[in-house]
Amino acid sequence: MDEGYHKNIHRIKRIVESAKRRAQVYSDLARIDDKGTAKSLGALQRAPAPGKKLQKIGFILFWIPEPIGITNAIGGPMILAGKYLERVYNSATIADVGHETKSTFRTISNLRETIN
């Protein structure tokens, strides 16, 4: 009879520990929601992406028909410079962060499944 009580007490202790861990995770998540984080995410949402803009302008100039061809001489290097800037500058957006987060969670869950 004591063994049944010990099992129930052990099960209740595990439930209490799990509840404490969950409460800790939720409080940590609440701490993330501060002005600094909101400002950083807002800046990420409004990322300028200079390379893409430069490429668009270069393509527009490249395809403008004109007899001298000056716009072709200007548009081509602008396209190449835009591609270079796209590699150098981070043009990440909120959607990219979401994709990376999902990928990380998938990796963690795969690791958990492998361990169990």
PDB file of N, CA and C in Angstrom:
ATOM      1  N   MET A   1       0.812  -1.191   0.000  1.00  0.00           N
ATOM      2  CA  MET A   1       0.000   0.000   0.000  1.00  0.00           C
ATOM      3  C   MET A   1       0.861   1.264   0.000  1.00  0.00           C
ATOM      4  N   ASP A   2       1.976   1.218   0.732  1.00  0.00           N
ATOM      5  CA  ASP A   2       2.886   2.366   0.737  1.00  0.00           C
ATOM      6  C   ASP A   2       3.479   2.601  -0.647  1.00  0.00           C
ATOM      7  N   GLU A   3       3.681   1.524  -1.386  1.00  0.00           N
ATOM      8  CA  GLU A   3       4.273   1.637  -2.712  1.00  0.00           C
ATOM      9  C   GLU A   3       3.371   2.442  -3.648  1.00  0.00           C
ATOM     10  N   GLY A   4       2.062   2.259  -3.549  1.00  0.00           N
ATOM     11  CA  GLY A   4       1.107   3.029  -4.361  1.00  0.00           C
ATOM     12  C   GLY A   4       1.168   4.503  -4.040  1.00  0.00           C
ATOM     13  N   TYR A   5       1.299   4.819  -2.740  1.00  0.00           N
ATOM     14  CA  TYR A   5       1.409   6.219  -2.335  1.00  0.00           C
ATOM     15  C   TYR A   5       2.704   6.842  -2.848  1.00  0.00           C
ATOM     16  N   HIS A   6       3.777   6.072  -2.773  1.00  0.00           N
ATOM     17  CA  HIS A   6       5.075   6.584  -3.244  1.00  0.00           C
ATOM     18  C   HIS A   6       5.027   6.860  -4.748  1.00  0.00           C
ATOM     19  N   LYS A   7       4.366   5.987  -5.501  1.00  0.00           N
ATOM     20  CA  LYS A   7       4.238   6.216  -6.949  1.00  0.00           C
ATOM     21  C   LYS A   7       3.435   7.472  -7.216  1.00  0.00           C
ATOM     22  N   ASN A   8       2.336   7.646  -6.499  1.00  0.00           N
ATOM     23  CA  ASN A   8       1.515   8.844  -6.704  1.00  0.00           C
ATOM     24  C   ASN A   8       2.263  10.110  -6.302  1.00  0.00           C
ATOM     25  N   ILE A   9       2.990  10.055  -5.206  1.00  0.00           N
ATOM     26  CA  ILE A   9       3.769  11.218  -4.766  1.00  0.00           C
ATOM     27  C   ILE A   9       4.851  11.539  -5.789  1.00  0.00           C
ATOM     28  N   HIS A  10       5.513  10.513  -6.311  1.00  0.00           N
ATOM     29  CA  HIS A  10       6.545  10.724  -7.321  1.00  0.00           C
ATOM     30  C   HIS A  10       5.945  11.341  -8.586  1.00  0.00           C
ATOM     31  N   ARG A  11       4.765  10.857  -8.991  1.00  0.00           N
ATOM     32  CA  ARG A  11       4.088  11.388 -10.177  1.00  0.00           C
ATOM     33  C   ARG A  11       3.694  12.848  -9.956  1.00  0.00           C
ATOM     34  N   ILE A  12       3.200  13.172  -8.788  1.00  0.00           N
ATOM     35  CA  ILE A  12       2.817  14.550  -8.471  1.00  0.00           C
ATOM     36  C   ILE A  12       4.041  15.459  -8.466  1.00  0.00           C
ATOM     37  N   LYS A  13       5.172  14.974  -7.950  1.00  0.00           N
ATOM     38  CA  LYS A  13       6.401  15.774  -7.959  1.00  0.00           C
ATOM     39  C   LYS A  13       6.845  16.069  -9.389  1.00  0.00           C
ATOM     40  N   ARG A  14       6.738  15.072 -10.257  1.00  0.00           N
ATOM     41  CA  ARG A  14       7.107  15.295 -11.665  1.00  0.00           C
ATOM     42  C   ARG A  14       6.192  16.331 -12.307  1.00  0.00           C
ATOM     43  N   ILE A  15       4.902  16.272 -11.990  1.00  0.00           N
ATOM     44  CA  ILE A  15       3.960  17.244 -12.548  1.00  0.00           C
ATOM     45  C   ILE A  15       4.290  18.655 -12.054  1.00  0.00           C
ATOM     46  N   VAL A  16       4.619  18.774 -10.767  1.00  0.00           N
ATOM     47  CA  VAL A  16       4.979  20.080 -10.198  1.00  0.00           C
ATOM     48  C   VAL A  16       6.244  20.617 -10.861  1.00  0.00           C
ATOM     49  N   GLU A  17       7.252  19.763 -11.057  1.00  0.00           N
ATOM     50  CA  GLU A  17       8.489  20.197 -11.710  1.00  0.00           C
ATOM     51  C   GLU A  17       8.216  20.648 -13.147  1.00  0.00           C
ATOM     52  N   SER A  18       7.367  19.910 -13.837  1.00  0.00           N
ATOM     53  CA  SER A  18       7.013  20.285 -15.202  1.00  0.00           C
ATOM     54  C   SER A  18       6.302  21.631 -15.234  1.00  0.00           C
ATOM     55  N   ALA A  19       5.398  21.850 -14.291  1.00  0.00           N
ATOM     56  CA  ALA A  19       4.685  23.132 -14.224  1.00  0.00           C
ATOM     57  C   ALA A  19       5.645  24.279 -13.938  1.00  0.00           C
ATOM     58  N   LYS A  20       6.623  24.043 -13.057  1.00  0.00           N
ATOM     59  CA  LYS A  20       7.618  25.085 -12.765  1.00  0.00           C
ATOM     60  C   LYS A  20       8.451  25.414 -13.999  1.00  0.00           C
ATOM     61  N   ARG A  21       8.857  24.376 -14.727  1.00  0.00           N
ATOM     62  CA  ARG A  21       9.639  24.621 -15.949  1.00  0.00           C
ATOM     63  C   ARG A  21       8.828  25.406 -16.976  1.00  0.00           C
ATOM     64  N   ARG A  22       7.566  25.038 -17.139  1.00  0.00           N
ATOM     65  CA  ARG A  22       6.715  25.763 -18.086  1.00  0.00           C
ATOM     66  C   ARG A  22       6.535  27.215 -17.659  1.00  0.00           C
ATOM     67  N   ALA A  23       6.306  27.436 -16.387  1.00  0.00           N
ATOM     68  CA  ALA A  23       6.151  28.805 -15.891  1.00  0.00           C
ATOM     69  C   ALA A  23       7.428  29.607 -16.142  1.00  0.00           C
ATOM     70  N   GLN A  24       8.574  28.982 -15.958  1.00  0.00           N
ATOM     71  CA  GLN A  24       9.850  29.657 -16.210  1.00  0.00           C
ATOM     72  C   GLN A  24       9.999  30.014 -17.685  1.00  0.00           C
ATOM     73  N   VAL A  25       9.637  29.089 -18.563  1.00  0.00           N
ATOM     74  CA  VAL A  25       9.719  29.353 -20.008  1.00  0.00           C
ATOM     75  C   VAL A  25       8.792  30.505 -20.388  1.00  0.00           C
ATOM     76  N   TYR A  26       7.563  30.492 -19.858  1.00  0.00           N
ATOM     77  CA  TYR A  26       6.623  31.563 -20.187  1.00  0.00           C
ATOM     78  C   TYR A  26       7.101  32.907 -19.657  1.00  0.00           C
ATOM     79  N   SER A  27       7.678  32.932 -18.473  1.00  0.00           N
ATOM     80  CA  SER A  27       8.176  34.202 -17.951  1.00  0.00           C
ATOM     81  C   SER A  27       9.380  34.690 -18.757  1.00  0.00           C
ATOM     82  N   ASP A  28      10.220  33.762 -19.222  1.00  0.00           N
ATOM     83  CA  ASP A  28      11.339  34.157 -20.089  1.00  0.00           C
ATOM     84  C   ASP A  28      10.836  34.719 -21.408  1.00  0.00           C
ATOM     85  N   LEU A  29       9.793  34.098 -21.959  1.00  0.00           N
ATOM     86  CA  LEU A  29       9.215  34.614 -23.195  1.00  0.00           C
ATOM     87  C   LEU A  29       8.613  35.999 -22.989  1.00  0.00           C
ATOM     88  N   ALA A  30       8.023  36.239 -21.849  1.00  0.00           N
ATOM     89  CA  ALA A  30       7.450  37.557 -21.565  1.00  0.00           C
ATOM     90  C   ALA A  30       8.550  38.606 -21.459  1.00  0.00           C
ATOM     91  N   ARG A  31       9.729  38.207 -20.964  1.00  0.00           N
ATOM     92  CA  ARG A  31      10.844  39.147 -20.860  1.00  0.00           C
ATOM     93  C   ARG A  31      11.388  39.530 -22.228  1.00  0.00           C
ATOM     94  N   ILE A  32      11.202  38.667 -23.221  1.00  0.00           N
ATOM     95  CA  ILE A  32      11.686  38.977 -24.568  1.00  0.00           C
ATOM     96  C   ILE A  32      10.939  40.171 -25.138  1.00  0.00           C
ATOM     97  N   ASP A  33       9.685  40.337 -24.760  1.00  0.00           N
ATOM     98  CA  ASP A  33       8.830  41.379 -25.320  1.00  0.00           C
ATOM     99  C   ASP A  33       9.115  42.726 -24.660  1.00  0.00           C
ATOM    100  N   ASP A  34      10.259  43.283 -24.958  1.00  0.00           N
ATOM    101  CA  ASP A  34      10.581  44.607 -24.444  1.00  0.00           C
ATOM    102  C   ASP A  34      10.795  45.562 -25.615  1.00  0.00           C
ATOM    103  N   LYS A  35      11.065  46.819 -25.326  1.00  0.00           N
ATOM    104  CA  LYS A  35      11.186  47.821 -26.386  1.00  0.00           C
ATOM    105  C   LYS A  35      12.389  47.563 -27.297  1.00  0.00           C
ATOM    106  N   GLY A  36      13.476  47.079 -26.730  1.00  0.00           N
ATOM    107  CA  GLY A  36      14.665  46.813 -27.548  1.00  0.00           C
ATOM    108  C   GLY A  36      14.412  45.736 -28.582  1.00  0.00           C
ATOM    109  N   THR A  37      13.727  44.675 -28.162  1.00  0.00           N
ATOM    110  CA  THR A  37      13.418  43.599 -29.103  1.00  0.00           C
ATOM    111  C   THR A  37      12.457  44.090 -30.170  1.00  0.00           C
ATOM    112  N   ALA A  38      11.452  44.829 -29.767  1.00  0.00           N
ATOM    113  CA  ALA A  38      10.489  45.352 -30.739  1.00  0.00           C
ATOM    114  C   ALA A  38      11.175  46.274 -31.740  1.00  0.00           C
ATOM    115  N   LYS A  39      12.115  47.082 -31.252  1.00  0.00           N
ATOM    116  CA  LYS A  39      12.834  47.997 -32.136  1.00  0.00           C
ATOM    117  C   LYS A  39      13.704  47.221 -33.129  1.00  0.00           C
ATOM    118  N   SER A  40      14.378  46.166 -32.643  1.00  0.00           N
ATOM    119  CA  SER A  40      15.219  45.362 -33.519  1.00  0.00           C
ATOM    120  C   SER A  40      14.400  44.654 -34.587  1.00  0.00           C
ATOM    121  N   LEU A  41      13.264  44.077 -34.175  1.00  0.00           N
ATOM    122  CA  LEU A  41      12.411  43.394 -35.144  1.00  0.00           C
ATOM    123  C   LEU A  41      11.804  44.379 -36.138  1.00  0.00           C
ATOM    124  N   GLY A  42      11.486  45.579 -35.683  1.00  0.00           N
ATOM    125  CA  GLY A  42      10.972  46.596 -36.598  1.00  0.00           C
ATOM    126  C   GLY A  42      12.013  47.010 -37.619  1.00  0.00           C
ATOM    127  N   ALA A  43      13.257  47.147 -37.171  1.00  0.00           N
ATOM    128  CA  ALA A  43      14.339  47.489 -38.103  1.00  0.00           C
ATOM    129  C   ALA A  43      14.550  46.357 -39.102  1.00  0.00           C
ATOM    130  N   LEU A  44      14.386  45.133 -38.643  1.00  0.00           N
ATOM    131  CA  LEU A  44      14.521  43.994 -39.542  1.00  0.00           C
ATOM    132  C   LEU A  44      13.401  43.980 -40.572  1.00  0.00           C
ATOM    133  N   GLN A  45      12.209  44.346 -40.153  1.00  0.00           N
ATOM    134  CA  GLN A  45      11.067  44.385 -41.071  1.00  0.00           C
ATOM    135  C   GLN A  45      11.263  45.453 -42.134  1.00  0.00           C
ATOM    136  N   ARG A  46      11.885  46.567 -41.753  1.00  0.00           N
ATOM    137  CA  ARG A  46      12.077  47.669 -42.685  1.00  0.00           C
ATOM    138  C   ARG A  46      13.498  47.699 -43.242  1.00  0.00           C
ATOM    139  N   ALA A  47      14.090  46.544 -43.427  1.00  0.00           N
ATOM    140  CA  ALA A  47      15.461  46.470 -43.938  1.00  0.00           C
ATOM    141  C   ALA A  47      15.529  47.119 -45.321  1.00  0.00           C
ATOM    142  N   PRO A  48      16.512  47.965 -45.552  1.00  0.00           N
ATOM    143  CA  PRO A  48      16.546  48.729 -46.793  1.00  0.00           C
ATOM    144  C   PRO A  48      16.842  47.910 -48.047  1.00  0.00           C
ATOM    145  N   ALA A  49      17.625  46.858 -47.955  1.00  0.00           N
ATOM    146  CA  ALA A  49      17.992  46.017 -49.103  1.00  0.00           C
ATOM    147  C   ALA A  49      18.463  46.866 -50.286  1.00  0.00           C
ATOM    148  N   PRO A  50      19.608  47.553 -50.136  1.00  0.00           N
ATOM    149  CA  PRO A  50      20.060  48.444 -51.213  1.00  0.00           C
ATOM    150  C   PRO A  50      20.397  47.711 -52.501  1.00  0.00           C
ATOM    151  N   GLY A  51      20.815  46.459 -52.395  1.00  0.00           N
ATOM    152  CA  GLY A  51      21.185  45.710 -53.590  1.00  0.00           C
ATOM    153  C   GLY A  51      20.015  45.468 -54.519  1.00  0.00           C
ATOM    154  N   LYS A  52      18.877  45.115 -53.975  1.00  0.00           N
ATOM    155  CA  LYS A  52      17.702  44.851 -54.810  1.00  0.00           C
ATOM    156  C   LYS A  52      17.230  46.120 -55.510  1.00  0.00           C
ATOM    157  N   LYS A  53      17.262  47.237 -54.779  1.00  0.00           N
ATOM    158  CA  LYS A  53      16.833  48.499 -55.375  1.00  0.00           C
ATOM    159  C   LYS A  53      17.770  48.910 -56.505  1.00  0.00           C
ATOM    160  N   LEU A  54      19.055  48.730 -56.276  1.00  0.00           N
ATOM    161  CA  LEU A  54      20.036  49.086 -57.296  1.00  0.00           C
ATOM    162  C   LEU A  54      19.880  48.198 -58.527  1.00  0.00           C
ATOM    163  N   GLN A  55      19.604  46.907 -58.319  1.00  0.00           N
ATOM    164  CA  GLN A  55      19.377  46.001 -59.438  1.00  0.00           C
ATOM    165  C   GLN A  55      18.146  46.413 -60.237  1.00  0.00           C
ATOM    166  N   LYS A  56      17.066  46.763 -59.543  1.00  0.00           N
ATOM    167  CA  LYS A  56      15.840  47.165 -60.248  1.00  0.00           C
ATOM    168  C   LYS A  56      16.079  48.403 -61.104  1.00  0.00           C
ATOM    169  N   ILE A  57      16.757  49.374 -60.532  1.00  0.00           N
ATOM    170  CA  ILE A  57      17.056  50.592 -61.291  1.00  0.00           C
ATOM    171  C   ILE A  57      17.951  50.260 -62.480  1.00  0.00           C
ATOM    172  N   GLY A  58      18.929  49.386 -62.262  1.00  0.00           N
ATOM    173  CA  GLY A  58      19.816  48.985 -63.356  1.00  0.00           C
ATOM    174  C   GLY A  58      19.066  48.286 -64.476  1.00  0.00           C
ATOM    175  N   PHE A  59      18.136  47.383 -64.142  1.00  0.00           N
ATOM    176  CA  PHE A  59      17.350  46.706 -65.176  1.00  0.00           C
ATOM    177  C   PHE A  59      16.463  47.693 -65.930  1.00  0.00           C
ATOM    178  N   ILE A  60      15.890  48.649 -65.205  1.00  0.00           N
ATOM    179  CA  ILE A  60      15.058  49.652 -65.877  1.00  0.00           C
ATOM    180  C   ILE A  60      15.902  50.461 -66.860  1.00  0.00           C
ATOM    181  N   LEU A  61      17.064  50.895 -66.415  1.00  0.00           N
ATOM    182  CA  LEU A  61      17.941  51.665 -67.304  1.00  0.00           C
ATOM    183  C   LEU A  61      18.445  50.815 -68.468  1.00  0.00           C
ATOM    184  N   PHE A  62      18.710  49.547 -68.208  1.00  0.00           N
ATOM    185  CA  PHE A  62      19.254  48.674 -69.244  1.00  0.00           C
ATOM    186  C   PHE A  62      18.242  48.444 -70.367  1.00  0.00           C
ATOM    187  N   TRP A  63      16.964  48.378 -70.033  1.00  0.00           N
ATOM    188  CA  TRP A  63      15.944  48.062 -71.036  1.00  0.00           C
ATOM    189  C   TRP A  63      15.291  49.290 -71.655  1.00  0.00           C
ATOM    190  N   ILE A  64      15.747  50.498 -71.288  1.00  0.00           N
ATOM    191  CA  ILE A  64      15.215  51.705 -71.932  1.00  0.00           C
ATOM    192  C   ILE A  64      15.828  51.801 -73.329  1.00  0.00           C
ATOM    193  N   PRO A  65      14.977  51.828 -74.343  1.00  0.00           N
ATOM    194  CA  PRO A  65      15.536  51.936 -75.702  1.00  0.00           C
ATOM    195  C   PRO A  65      16.005  53.367 -75.989  1.00  0.00           C
ATOM    196  N   GLU A  66      17.236  53.485 -76.435  1.00  0.00           N
ATOM    197  CA  GLU A  66      17.783  54.779 -76.834  1.00  0.00           C
ATOM    198  C   GLU A  66      18.914  54.532 -77.825  1.00  0.00           C
ATOM    199  N   PRO A  67      19.136  55.440 -78.740  1.00  0.00           N
ATOM    200  CA  PRO A  67      20.104  55.182 -79.825  1.00  0.00           C
ATOM    201  C   PRO A  67      21.570  55.210 -79.397  1.00  0.00           C
ATOM    202  N   ILE A  68      21.942  55.954 -78.399  1.00  0.00           N
ATOM    203  CA  ILE A  68      23.355  56.107 -78.041  1.00  0.00           C
ATOM    204  C   ILE A  68      23.855  54.933 -77.204  1.00  0.00           C
ATOM    205  N   GLY A  69      23.033  54.401 -76.323  1.00  0.00           N
ATOM    206  CA  GLY A  69      23.435  53.265 -75.493  1.00  0.00           C
ATOM    207  C   GLY A  69      24.090  53.649 -74.180  1.00  0.00           C
ATOM    208  N   ILE A  70      23.908  54.893 -73.761  1.00  0.00           N
ATOM    209  CA  ILE A  70      24.494  55.332 -72.490  1.00  0.00           C
ATOM    210  C   ILE A  70      23.819  54.617 -71.324  1.00  0.00           C
ATOM    211  N   THR A  71      22.506  54.431 -71.416  1.00  0.00           N
ATOM    212  CA  THR A  71      21.804  53.770 -70.318  1.00  0.00           C
ATOM    213  C   THR A  71      22.247  52.316 -70.185  1.00  0.00           C
ATOM    214  N   ASN A  72      22.613  51.675 -71.309  1.00  0.00           N
ATOM    215  CA  ASN A  72      23.146  50.309 -71.215  1.00  0.00           C
ATOM    216  C   ASN A  72      24.486  50.300 -70.497  1.00  0.00           C
ATOM    217  N   ALA A  73      25.305  51.295 -70.751  1.00  0.00           N
ATOM    218  CA  ALA A  73      26.611  51.379 -70.099  1.00  0.00           C
ATOM    219  C   ALA A  73      26.465  51.676 -68.605  1.00  0.00           C
ATOM    220  N   ILE A  74      25.391  52.332 -68.230  1.00  0.00           N
ATOM    221  CA  ILE A  74      25.157  52.628 -66.816  1.00  0.00           C
ATOM    222  C   ILE A  74      24.397  51.483 -66.141  1.00  0.00           C
ATOM    223  N   GLY A  75      23.416  50.915 -66.837  1.00  0.00           N
ATOM    224  CA  GLY A  75      22.554  49.887 -66.258  1.00  0.00           C
ATOM    225  C   GLY A  75      23.276  48.596 -65.928  1.00  0.00           C
ATOM    226  N   GLY A  76      24.171  48.152 -66.804  1.00  0.00           N
ATOM    227  CA  GLY A  76      24.902  46.896 -66.576  1.00  0.00           C
ATOM    228  C   GLY A  76      25.706  46.898 -65.286  1.00  0.00           C
ATOM    229  N   PRO A  77      26.567  47.896 -65.087  1.00  0.00           N
ATOM    230  CA  PRO A  77      27.308  47.949 -63.819  1.00  0.00           C
ATOM    231  C   PRO A  77      26.413  48.102 -62.592  1.00  0.00           C
ATOM    232  N   MET A  78      25.268  48.773 -62.762  1.00  0.00           N
ATOM    233  CA  MET A  78      24.351  48.903 -61.624  1.00  0.00           C
ATOM    234  C   MET A  78      23.774  47.545 -61.237  1.00  0.00           C
ATOM    235  N   ILE A  79      23.479  46.722 -62.229  1.00  0.00           N
ATOM    236  CA  ILE A  79      22.966  45.382 -61.955  1.00  0.00           C
ATOM    237  C   ILE A  79      24.021  44.564 -61.214  1.00  0.00           C
ATOM    238  N   LEU A  80      25.253  44.611 -61.688  1.00  0.00           N
ATOM    239  CA  LEU A  80      26.340  43.865 -61.043  1.00  0.00           C
ATOM    240  C   LEU A  80      26.609  44.382 -59.621  1.00  0.00           C
ATOM    241  N   ALA A  81      26.574  45.709 -59.461  1.00  0.00           N
ATOM    242  CA  ALA A  81      26.782  46.280 -58.130  1.00  0.00           C
ATOM    243  C   ALA A  81      25.652  45.868 -57.188  1.00  0.00           C
ATOM    244  N   GLY A  82      24.437  45.803 -57.703  1.00  0.00           N
ATOM    245  CA  GLY A  82      23.310  45.378 -56.890  1.00  0.00           C
ATOM    246  C   GLY A  82      23.450  43.935 -56.438  1.00  0.00           C
ATOM    247  N   LYS A  83      23.921  43.069 -57.347  1.00  0.00           N
ATOM    248  CA  LYS A  83      24.140  41.669 -56.964  1.00  0.00           C
ATOM    249  C   LYS A  83      25.228  41.564 -55.898  1.00  0.00           C
ATOM    250  N   TYR A  84      26.282  42.373 -56.025  1.00  0.00           N
ATOM    251  CA  TYR A  84      27.344  42.361 -55.027  1.00  0.00           C
ATOM    252  C   TYR A  84      26.823  42.844 -53.673  1.00  0.00           C
ATOM    253  N   LEU A  85      26.072  43.939 -53.682  1.00  0.00           N
ATOM    254  CA  LEU A  85      25.533  44.476 -52.424  1.00  0.00           C
ATOM    255  C   LEU A  85      24.557  43.496 -51.778  1.00  0.00           C
ATOM    256  N   GLU A  86      23.830  42.749 -52.596  1.00  0.00           N
ATOM    257  CA  GLU A  86      22.891  41.768 -52.049  1.00  0.00           C
ATOM    258  C   GLU A  86      23.632  40.677 -51.284  1.00  0.00           C
ATOM    259  N   ARG A  87      24.817  40.341 -51.742  1.00  0.00           N
ATOM    260  CA  ARG A  87      25.623  39.340 -51.028  1.00  0.00           C
ATOM    261  C   ARG A  87      26.274  39.916 -49.785  1.00  0.00           C
ATOM    262  N   VAL A  88      26.706  41.170 -49.863  1.00  0.00           N
ATOM    263  CA  VAL A  88      27.431  41.779 -48.757  1.00  0.00           C
ATOM    264  C   VAL A  88      26.488  42.172 -47.628  1.00  0.00           C
ATOM    265  N   TYR A  89      25.378  42.848 -47.958  1.00  0.00           N
ATOM    266  CA  TYR A  89      24.441  43.309 -46.938  1.00  0.00           C
ATOM    267  C   TYR A  89      23.384  42.252 -46.682  1.00  0.00           C
ATOM    268  N   ASN A  90      22.988  42.159 -45.446  1.00  0.00           N
ATOM    269  CA  ASN A  90      21.959  41.205 -45.058  1.00  0.00           C
ATOM    270  C   ASN A  90      20.598  41.769 -45.459  1.00  0.00           C
ATOM    271  N   SER A  91      19.930  41.099 -46.356  1.00  0.00           N
ATOM    272  CA  SER A  91      18.608  41.562 -46.773  1.00  0.00           C
ATOM    273  C   SER A  91      17.531  40.664 -46.176  1.00  0.00           C
ATOM    274  N   ALA A  92      17.759  40.214 -44.937  1.00  0.00           N
ATOM    275  CA  ALA A  92      16.806  39.336 -44.267  1.00  0.00           C
ATOM    276  C   ALA A  92      15.556  40.105 -43.868  1.00  0.00           C
ATOM    277  N   THR A  93      14.452  39.388 -43.831  1.00  0.00           N
ATOM    278  CA  THR A  93      13.189  39.974 -43.406  1.00  0.00           C
ATOM    279  C   THR A  93      12.613  39.115 -42.292  1.00  0.00           C
ATOM    280  N   ILE A  94      11.467  39.516 -41.788  1.00  0.00           N
ATOM    281  CA  ILE A  94      10.797  38.758 -40.729  1.00  0.00           C
ATOM    282  C   ILE A  94      10.475  37.347 -41.223  1.00  0.00           C
ATOM    283  N   ALA A  95      10.064  37.219 -42.470  1.00  0.00           N
ATOM    284  CA  ALA A  95       9.736  35.894 -43.015  1.00  0.00           C
ATOM    285  C   ALA A  95      10.961  34.979 -42.982  1.00  0.00           C
ATOM    286  N   ASP A  96      12.142  35.521 -43.284  1.00  0.00           N
ATOM    287  CA  ASP A  96      13.366  34.716 -43.232  1.00  0.00           C
ATOM    288  C   ASP A  96      13.649  34.250 -41.808  1.00  0.00           C
ATOM    289  N   VAL A  97      13.421  35.124 -40.846  1.00  0.00           N
ATOM    290  CA  VAL A  97      13.623  34.751 -39.442  1.00  0.00           C
ATOM    291  C   VAL A  97      12.654  33.636 -39.062  1.00  0.00           C
ATOM    292  N   GLY A  98      11.408  33.740 -39.524  1.00  0.00           N
ATOM    293  CA  GLY A  98      10.425  32.696 -39.254  1.00  0.00           C
ATOM    294  C   GLY A  98      10.810  31.358 -39.843  1.00  0.00           C
ATOM    295  N   HIS A  99      11.334  31.376 -41.072  1.00  0.00           N
ATOM    296  CA  HIS A  99      11.773  30.127 -41.709  1.00  0.00           C
ATOM    297  C   HIS A  99      12.935  29.500 -40.941  1.00  0.00           C
ATOM    298  N   GLU A 100      13.881  30.325 -40.525  1.00  0.00           N
ATOM    299  CA  GLU A 100      15.019  29.801 -39.773  1.00  0.00           C
ATOM    300  C   GLU A 100      14.583  29.260 -38.411  1.00  0.00           C
ATOM    301  N   THR A 101      13.616  29.926 -37.786  1.00  0.00           N
ATOM    302  CA  THR A 101      13.114  29.450 -36.495  1.00  0.00           C
ATOM    303  C   THR A 101      12.434  28.097 -36.652  1.00  0.00           C
ATOM    304  N   LYS A 102      11.612  27.956 -37.689  1.00  0.00           N
ATOM    305  CA  LYS A 102      10.952  26.669 -37.944  1.00  0.00           C
ATOM    306  C   LYS A 102      11.988  25.582 -38.200  1.00  0.00           C
ATOM    307  N   SER A 103      13.011  25.916 -38.954  1.00  0.00           N
ATOM    308  CA  SER A 103      14.070  24.948 -39.240  1.00  0.00           C
ATOM    309  C   SER A 103      14.786  24.527 -37.956  1.00  0.00           C
ATOM    310  N   THR A 104      15.054  25.483 -37.079  1.00  0.00           N
ATOM    311  CA  THR A 104      15.714  25.175 -35.813  1.00  0.00           C
ATOM    312  C   THR A 104      14.841  24.285 -34.945  1.00  0.00           C
ATOM    313  N   PHE A 105      13.543  24.601 -34.871  1.00  0.00           N
ATOM    314  CA  PHE A 105      12.632  23.768 -34.082  1.00  0.00           C
ATOM    315  C   PHE A 105      12.549  22.354 -34.651  1.00  0.00           C
ATOM    316  N   ARG A 106      12.544  22.231 -35.978  1.00  0.00           N
ATOM    317  CA  ARG A 106      12.530  20.903 -36.591  1.00  0.00           C
ATOM    318  C   ARG A 106      13.782  20.118 -36.205  1.00  0.00           C
ATOM    319  N   THR A 107      14.931  20.784 -36.225  1.00  0.00           N
ATOM    320  CA  THR A 107      16.178  20.133 -35.857  1.00  0.00           C
ATOM    321  C   THR A 107      16.153  19.690 -34.393  1.00  0.00           C
ATOM    322  N   ILE A 108      15.642  20.540 -33.525  1.00  0.00           N
ATOM    323  CA  ILE A 108      15.564  20.202 -32.102  1.00  0.00           C
ATOM    324  C   ILE A 108      14.614  19.027 -31.885  1.00  0.00           C
ATOM    325  N   SER A 109      13.479  19.027 -32.558  1.00  0.00           N
ATOM    326  CA  SER A 109      12.527  17.924 -32.380  1.00  0.00           C
ATOM    327  C   SER A 109      13.098  16.620 -32.931  1.00  0.00           C
ATOM    328  N   ASN A 110      13.844  16.703 -34.042  1.00  0.00           N
ATOM    329  CA  ASN A 110      14.498  15.510 -34.577  1.00  0.00           C
ATOM    330  C   ASN A 110      15.535  14.976 -33.598  1.00  0.00           C
ATOM    331  N   LEU A 111      16.249  15.874 -32.951  1.00  0.00           N
ATOM    332  CA  LEU A 111      17.242  15.477 -31.969  1.00  0.00           C
ATOM    333  C   LEU A 111      16.567  14.807 -30.775  1.00  0.00           C
ATOM    334  N   ARG A 112      15.447  15.384 -30.316  1.00  0.00           N
ATOM    335  CA  ARG A 112      14.700  14.782 -29.210  1.00  0.00           C
ATOM    336  C   ARG A 112      14.215  13.377 -29.569  1.00  0.00           C
ATOM    337  N   GLU A 113      13.683  13.236 -30.779  1.00  0.00           N
ATOM    338  CA  GLU A 113      13.191  11.923 -31.207  1.00  0.00           C
ATOM    339  C   GLU A 113      14.337  10.912 -31.279  1.00  0.00           C
ATOM    340  N   THR A 114      15.490  11.364 -31.707  1.00  0.00           N
ATOM    341  CA  THR A 114      16.646  10.476 -31.801  1.00  0.00           C
ATOM    342  C   THR A 114      17.110  10.034 -30.408  1.00  0.00           C
ATOM    343  N   ILE A 115      17.094  10.979 -29.472  1.00  0.00           N
ATOM    344  CA  ILE A 115      17.533  10.649 -28.103  1.00  0.00           C
ATOM    345  C   ILE A 115      16.557   9.696 -27.433  1.00  0.00           C
ATOM    346  N   ASN A 116      15.259   9.943 -27.629  1.00  0.00           N
ATOM    347  CA  ASN A 116      14.256   9.073 -26.987  1.00  0.00           C
ATOM    348  C   ASN A 116      14.209   7.800 -27.719  1.00  0.00           C
TER     349      ASN A 116
END
